[in-house]
Amino acid sequence: MTTATENRTALKRIAEQADEAIDVAEAALLFASMDQPTSDLSFYRDHVRAIADAVSDYVAQKKWGDNLAPDEMVEALNSAMVEQFRYAGDDETYDDLDNANLMRVIDRRRGLPVALGILYLAAARAQSWAAAGLNFPGHFLIRIESRDGRRIIVDPFHKGRVMGAPELRELLKVVSGSSVELEASHYRPVGNRDVLIRLQNNVKTRRLDKGQIQDAVDAVENILLLAPNSLSLWREAGVLHMRAGHLKRAIESFDKFVAMAQDSPDRTKIAKVVQELRERIN
């Protein structure tokens, strides 16, 4: 069993890797361990491997060989995720923080689209299949691609259902409004950091909704491990530290913003805030 400090050190090492080298499931488990420092990570790592093994066993049983079609890949993934391990989206308590903590998702077999999607991605990539999250607004989807370039889009929240253009249009109008139309950008794959940031943004938002300011600060700082050059995150960290009464930490975060925001119209305003905070401390 590792300590919270050791897990955070491991997260920092992951954050320094090239995006394509990041193990999204391992990183998500380490983020989850920040909330459950006494949990045994090996149990959850073993479960992620068990899902991947179940997919591999299904393919072997079907005698499909190595050059699978996208629908066969999805069938194998769903056989493990949905049929064997009984994963599904949590419609009843969607805003529960547990839905964004991969450990608790594994415990409950319920979660947010992005948390379930991370398990799908890990299982697919364990087979050396091309799989990626998509830049779809409001609802995380994944794309599976065969060796010959055929692609299929899957909704991990709704038991791995396949999403064609009509289903995507319908979902988009539900999450973004009836006037929004499907665009090419919604099919764009996103990197591993983006997937993890999306997961942690869900954590931050839910903590803010509950008034858990310090916990929200922790979530922002976790995101900053992955996106240390994000101006908006440094500004947000400064604001949240102010709300939590951590004036020195707020100054540090705002100083980062000012140093990086050479062309930002808010640079002068934030610099004045820093000056006021220093005067309050002195």
Protein backbone atom coordinates (compact mmCIF):
# COMPACT_ATOMS: atom_id res chain seq x y z
CA MET A 1 0.00 0.00 0.00
CA THR A 2 1.44 3.38 -0.99
CA THR A 3 1.06 6.77 0.65
CA ALA A 4 -0.69 9.82 -0.82
CA THR A 5 2.73 11.46 -1.27
CA GLU A 6 4.05 8.48 -3.21
CA ASN A 7 0.96 8.42 -5.42
CA ARG A 8 1.26 12.14 -6.15
CA THR A 9 4.92 11.63 -7.06
CA ALA A 10 3.84 8.86 -9.44
CA LEU A 11 1.25 11.22 -10.95
CA LYS A 12 3.92 13.85 -11.54
CA ARG A 13 6.03 11.28 -13.39
CA ILE A 14 3.06 10.34 -15.57
CA ALA A 15 2.32 14.00 -16.27
CA GLU A 16 5.86 14.46 -17.59
CA GLN A 17 5.44 11.69 -20.16
CA ALA A 18 4.57 12.21 -23.81
CA ASP A 19 0.79 12.24 -24.21
CA GLU A 20 0.65 8.98 -26.15
CA ALA A 21 2.66 7.21 -23.43
CA ILE A 22 0.23 8.08 -20.63
CA ASP A 23 -1.71 5.15 -19.18
CA VAL A 24 -5.11 6.78 -18.63
CA ALA A 25 -6.43 4.09 -16.30
CA GLU A 26 -3.33 4.15 -14.10
CA ALA A 27 -3.42 7.96 -13.93
CA ALA A 28 -7.14 7.95 -13.13
CA LEU A 29 -6.55 5.45 -10.31
CA LEU A 30 -3.79 7.63 -8.90
CA PHE A 31 -6.10 10.65 -8.98
CA ALA A 32 -8.72 8.56 -7.19
CA SER A 33 -6.14 7.59 -4.58
CA MET A 34 -5.87 11.24 -3.56
CA ASP A 35 -9.38 10.84 -2.11
CA GLN A 36 -8.83 7.30 -0.83
CA PRO A 37 -5.18 7.25 0.36
CA THR A 38 -5.62 4.04 2.40
CA SER A 39 -7.00 2.01 -0.49
CA ASP A 40 -4.98 -0.79 -2.04
CA LEU A 41 -4.27 0.25 -5.61
CA SER A 42 -3.20 -3.26 -6.59
CA PHE A 43 -6.78 -4.50 -6.27
CA TYR A 44 -7.99 -1.92 -8.80
CA ARG A 45 -5.05 -2.43 -11.13
CA ASP A 46 -5.80 -6.15 -11.12
CA HIS A 47 -9.41 -5.42 -12.01
CA VAL A 48 -8.42 -3.24 -14.99
CA ARG A 49 -6.24 -6.12 -16.20
CA ALA A 50 -9.11 -8.57 -15.62
CA ILE A 51 -11.33 -6.57 -17.96
CA ALA A 52 -8.63 -6.61 -20.63
CA ASP A 53 -8.12 -10.35 -20.15
CA ALA A 54 -11.85 -10.95 -20.51
CA VAL A 55 -11.83 -9.09 -23.84
CA SER A 56 -8.86 -11.16 -25.04
CA ASP A 57 -10.55 -14.40 -23.95
CA TYR A 58 -13.73 -13.47 -25.82
CA VAL A 59 -11.80 -12.81 -29.03
CA ALA A 60 -9.96 -16.12 -28.67
CA GLN A 61 -13.23 -17.94 -28.05
CA LYS A 62 -14.70 -16.42 -31.22
CA LYS A 63 -11.56 -17.36 -33.17
CA TRP A 64 -11.54 -13.98 -34.89
CA GLY A 65 -7.78 -13.73 -35.21
CA ASP A 66 -5.93 -10.42 -35.11
CA ASN A 67 -7.59 -8.38 -37.87
CA LEU A 68 -10.94 -7.62 -36.24
CA ALA A 69 -13.67 -5.42 -37.67
CA PRO A 70 -14.74 -2.47 -35.49
CA ASP A 71 -18.10 -4.04 -34.62
CA GLU A 72 -16.29 -7.18 -33.45
CA MET A 73 -14.04 -5.09 -31.23
CA VAL A 74 -17.06 -3.40 -29.69
CA GLU A 75 -18.79 -6.75 -29.18
CA ALA A 76 -15.73 -8.05 -27.33
CA LEU A 77 -15.44 -4.92 -25.20
CA ASN A 78 -19.12 -5.00 -24.29
CA SER A 79 -18.94 -8.70 -23.49
CA ALA A 80 -16.48 -7.83 -20.73
CA MET A 81 -17.68 -4.41 -19.59
CA VAL A 82 -21.43 -4.93 -19.78
CA GLU A 83 -22.12 -8.65 -19.71
CA GLN A 84 -19.37 -10.01 -17.46
CA PHE A 85 -18.61 -7.09 -15.13
CA ARG A 86 -22.02 -5.35 -15.35
CA TYR A 87 -20.86 -1.78 -15.90
CA ALA A 88 -23.41 0.93 -16.75
CA GLY A 89 -23.87 4.67 -16.53
CA ASP A 90 -25.28 6.06 -13.30
CA ASP A 91 -28.52 7.74 -14.36
CA GLU A 92 -29.99 7.83 -10.86
CA THR A 93 -27.22 9.68 -9.00
CA TYR A 94 -25.35 11.21 -11.93
CA ASP A 95 -23.85 14.10 -9.92
CA ASP A 96 -22.47 11.87 -7.18
CA LEU A 97 -18.74 12.45 -6.73
CA ASP A 98 -18.20 8.69 -6.68
CA ASN A 99 -19.02 8.63 -10.40
CA ALA A 100 -15.79 10.52 -11.17
CA ASN A 101 -13.53 8.48 -8.86
CA LEU A 102 -12.31 5.43 -10.77
CA MET A 103 -11.86 3.36 -7.62
CA ARG A 104 -15.46 3.95 -6.59
CA VAL A 105 -16.61 3.38 -10.16
CA ILE A 106 -14.97 -0.03 -10.07
CA ASP A 107 -16.48 -0.75 -6.65
CA ARG A 108 -19.99 0.25 -7.74
CA ARG A 109 -19.83 -0.70 -11.45
CA ARG A 110 -21.41 2.71 -12.11
CA GLY A 111 -19.94 6.00 -13.26
CA LEU A 112 -19.79 9.00 -15.56
CA PRO A 113 -19.25 8.59 -19.31
CA VAL A 114 -15.59 9.63 -19.07
CA ALA A 115 -14.83 7.27 -16.16
CA LEU A 116 -16.42 4.31 -17.93
CA GLY A 117 -14.74 5.43 -21.14
CA ILE A 118 -11.33 5.21 -19.47
CA LEU A 119 -11.99 1.54 -18.71
CA TYR A 120 -13.05 0.94 -22.32
CA LEU A 121 -9.90 2.69 -23.58
CA ALA A 122 -7.66 0.67 -21.27
CA ALA A 123 -9.23 -2.62 -22.32
CA ALA A 124 -9.04 -1.79 -26.02
CA ARG A 125 -5.46 -0.58 -25.89
CA ALA A 126 -4.43 -3.71 -23.99
CA GLN A 127 -5.35 -5.58 -27.20
CA SER A 128 -3.26 -3.07 -29.24
CA TRP A 129 -6.46 -1.70 -30.78
CA ALA A 130 -6.62 1.93 -31.85
CA ALA A 131 -8.99 3.68 -29.43
CA ALA A 132 -9.43 7.33 -28.51
CA GLY A 133 -11.77 9.66 -26.70
CA LEU A 134 -13.66 12.18 -28.82
CA ASN A 135 -14.16 15.93 -28.56
CA PHE A 136 -17.92 15.52 -28.18
CA PRO A 137 -19.46 18.17 -25.92
CA GLY A 138 -21.19 17.25 -22.69
CA HIS A 139 -20.94 13.48 -23.03
CA PHE A 140 -17.75 11.44 -23.40
CA LEU A 141 -17.62 9.05 -26.35
CA ILE A 142 -14.87 6.81 -27.67
CA ARG A 143 -13.82 5.78 -31.16
CA ILE A 144 -12.53 2.35 -32.10
CA GLU A 145 -10.58 1.94 -35.35
CA SER A 146 -9.65 -1.24 -37.18
CA ARG A 147 -6.33 -1.81 -38.95
CA ASP A 148 -7.89 -1.02 -42.33
CA GLY A 149 -9.16 2.36 -41.10
CA ARG A 150 -12.81 1.54 -40.44
CA ARG A 151 -14.17 3.39 -37.42
CA ILE A 152 -17.02 3.04 -34.97
CA ILE A 153 -18.18 5.38 -32.17
CA VAL A 154 -19.29 3.96 -28.84
CA ASP A 155 -21.17 5.43 -25.89
CA PRO A 156 -19.64 3.85 -22.74
CA PHE A 157 -22.35 5.34 -20.52
CA HIS A 158 -25.19 3.54 -22.29
CA LYS A 159 -23.73 0.04 -22.17
CA GLY A 160 -21.43 0.51 -25.12
CA ARG A 161 -24.10 1.29 -27.69
CA VAL A 162 -22.88 2.12 -31.17
CA MET A 163 -23.51 5.71 -32.23
CA GLY A 164 -24.24 6.53 -35.85
CA ALA A 165 -24.90 10.05 -37.16
CA PRO A 166 -28.63 10.04 -36.16
CA GLU A 167 -27.82 8.96 -32.60
CA LEU A 168 -25.04 11.52 -32.35
CA ARG A 169 -27.34 14.32 -33.52
CA GLU A 170 -29.98 13.29 -31.00
CA LEU A 171 -27.46 13.12 -28.16
CA LEU A 172 -25.94 16.48 -29.11
CA LYS A 173 -29.33 18.20 -28.92
CA VAL A 174 -29.96 16.65 -25.51
CA VAL A 175 -26.65 17.83 -24.02
CA SER A 176 -26.15 21.11 -25.92
CA GLY A 177 -29.58 22.34 -27.01
CA SER A 178 -31.90 21.86 -29.98
CA SER A 179 -30.20 24.56 -32.07
CA VAL A 180 -26.74 22.94 -32.01
CA GLU A 181 -25.74 20.96 -35.09
CA LEU A 182 -23.24 18.15 -35.45
CA GLU A 183 -19.83 19.37 -36.66
CA ALA A 184 -16.64 17.72 -37.81
CA SER A 185 -14.89 18.95 -34.65
CA HIS A 186 -17.16 16.71 -32.56
CA TYR A 187 -15.47 13.69 -34.15
CA ARG A 188 -11.97 14.94 -33.37
CA PRO A 189 -9.94 12.58 -31.15
CA VAL A 190 -8.50 14.04 -27.96
CA GLY A 191 -5.28 13.21 -26.18
CA ASN A 192 -4.85 11.27 -22.97
CA ARG A 193 -4.26 14.44 -20.97
CA ASP A 194 -7.54 15.85 -22.27
CA VAL A 195 -9.39 12.71 -21.14
CA LEU A 196 -7.92 12.98 -17.64
CA ILE A 197 -8.58 16.72 -17.47
CA ARG A 198 -12.19 16.05 -18.41
CA LEU A 199 -12.43 13.53 -15.57
CA GLN A 200 -10.91 15.93 -13.02
CA ASN A 201 -13.07 18.81 -14.22
CA ASN A 202 -16.06 16.71 -13.25
CA VAL A 203 -14.54 16.28 -9.78
CA LYS A 204 -13.89 20.02 -9.45
CA THR A 205 -17.37 21.01 -10.61
CA ARG A 206 -19.11 18.65 -8.20
CA ARG A 207 -17.00 19.85 -5.29
CA LEU A 208 -17.77 23.47 -6.09
CA ASP A 209 -21.47 22.65 -6.27
CA LYS A 210 -21.20 21.19 -2.77
CA GLY A 211 -19.29 24.22 -1.48
CA GLN A 212 -16.16 22.14 -0.88
CA ILE A 213 -13.72 24.90 -1.79
CA GLN A 214 -10.51 23.31 -0.49
CA ASP A 215 -11.35 20.03 -2.20
CA ALA A 216 -12.03 21.97 -5.41
CA VAL A 217 -8.60 23.60 -5.06
CA ASP A 218 -7.07 20.13 -4.81
CA ALA A 219 -8.84 19.11 -8.03
CA VAL A 220 -7.56 22.20 -9.86
CA GLU A 221 -4.02 21.49 -8.69
CA ASN A 222 -4.37 17.93 -9.94
CA ILE A 223 -5.39 19.29 -13.34
CA LEU A 224 -2.39 21.64 -13.29
CA LEU A 225 -0.13 18.61 -13.08
CA LEU A 226 -1.42 17.73 -16.54
CA ALA A 227 -1.75 21.26 -17.94
CA PRO A 228 0.86 23.46 -16.21
CA ASN A 229 0.70 26.08 -18.97
CA SER A 230 -3.03 26.75 -18.67
CA LEU A 231 -3.62 30.43 -17.89
CA SER A 232 -7.25 29.86 -16.96
CA LEU A 233 -6.32 27.16 -14.46
CA TRP A 234 -3.71 29.31 -12.69
CA ARG A 235 -6.25 32.10 -12.45
CA GLU A 236 -8.90 29.71 -11.15
CA ALA A 237 -6.46 28.28 -8.61
CA GLY A 238 -5.74 31.80 -7.37
CA VAL A 239 -9.44 32.62 -7.01
CA LEU A 240 -10.18 29.39 -5.15
CA HIS A 241 -7.21 29.86 -2.82
CA MET A 242 -8.56 33.32 -2.03
CA ARG A 243 -11.97 31.86 -1.26
CA ALA A 244 -10.33 29.26 0.99
CA GLY A 245 -8.36 31.99 2.82
CA HIS A 246 -4.97 30.82 1.56
CA LEU A 247 -3.62 34.22 0.56
CA LYS A 248 0.02 33.18 0.05
CA ARG A 249 -1.06 30.30 -2.19
CA ALA A 250 -3.36 32.66 -4.06
CA ILE A 251 -0.45 35.05 -4.68
CA GLU A 252 1.70 32.18 -5.96
CA SER A 253 -1.01 31.10 -8.40
CA PHE A 254 -1.75 34.63 -9.59
CA ASP A 255 1.99 35.30 -9.99
CA LYS A 256 2.14 32.29 -12.32
CA PHE A 257 -0.74 33.75 -14.31
CA VAL A 258 0.87 37.20 -14.56
CA ALA A 259 4.25 35.74 -15.60
CA MET A 260 2.67 33.68 -18.36
CA ALA A 261 -0.10 36.03 -19.52
CA GLN A 262 1.96 38.48 -21.52
CA ASP A 263 -0.87 39.21 -23.98
CA SER A 264 -3.87 38.62 -21.76
CA PRO A 265 -6.23 41.57 -21.22
CA ASP A 266 -6.62 40.41 -17.59
CA ARG A 267 -2.91 40.60 -16.80
CA THR A 268 -3.04 44.12 -15.35
CA LYS A 269 -6.16 43.38 -13.30
CA ILE A 270 -4.66 40.23 -11.79
CA ALA A 271 -1.38 42.05 -11.06
CA LYS A 272 -3.39 44.60 -9.03
CA VAL A 273 -5.07 41.79 -7.14
CA VAL A 274 -1.64 40.35 -6.29
CA GLN A 275 -0.52 43.75 -5.00
CA GLU A 276 -3.62 44.06 -2.82
CA LEU A 277 -3.11 40.58 -1.41
CA ARG A 278 0.51 41.32 -0.54
CA GLU A 279 -0.59 44.47 1.26
CA ARG A 280 -3.14 42.47 3.24
CA ILE A 281 -0.49 39.96 4.31
CA ASN A 282 2.00 42.66 5.28
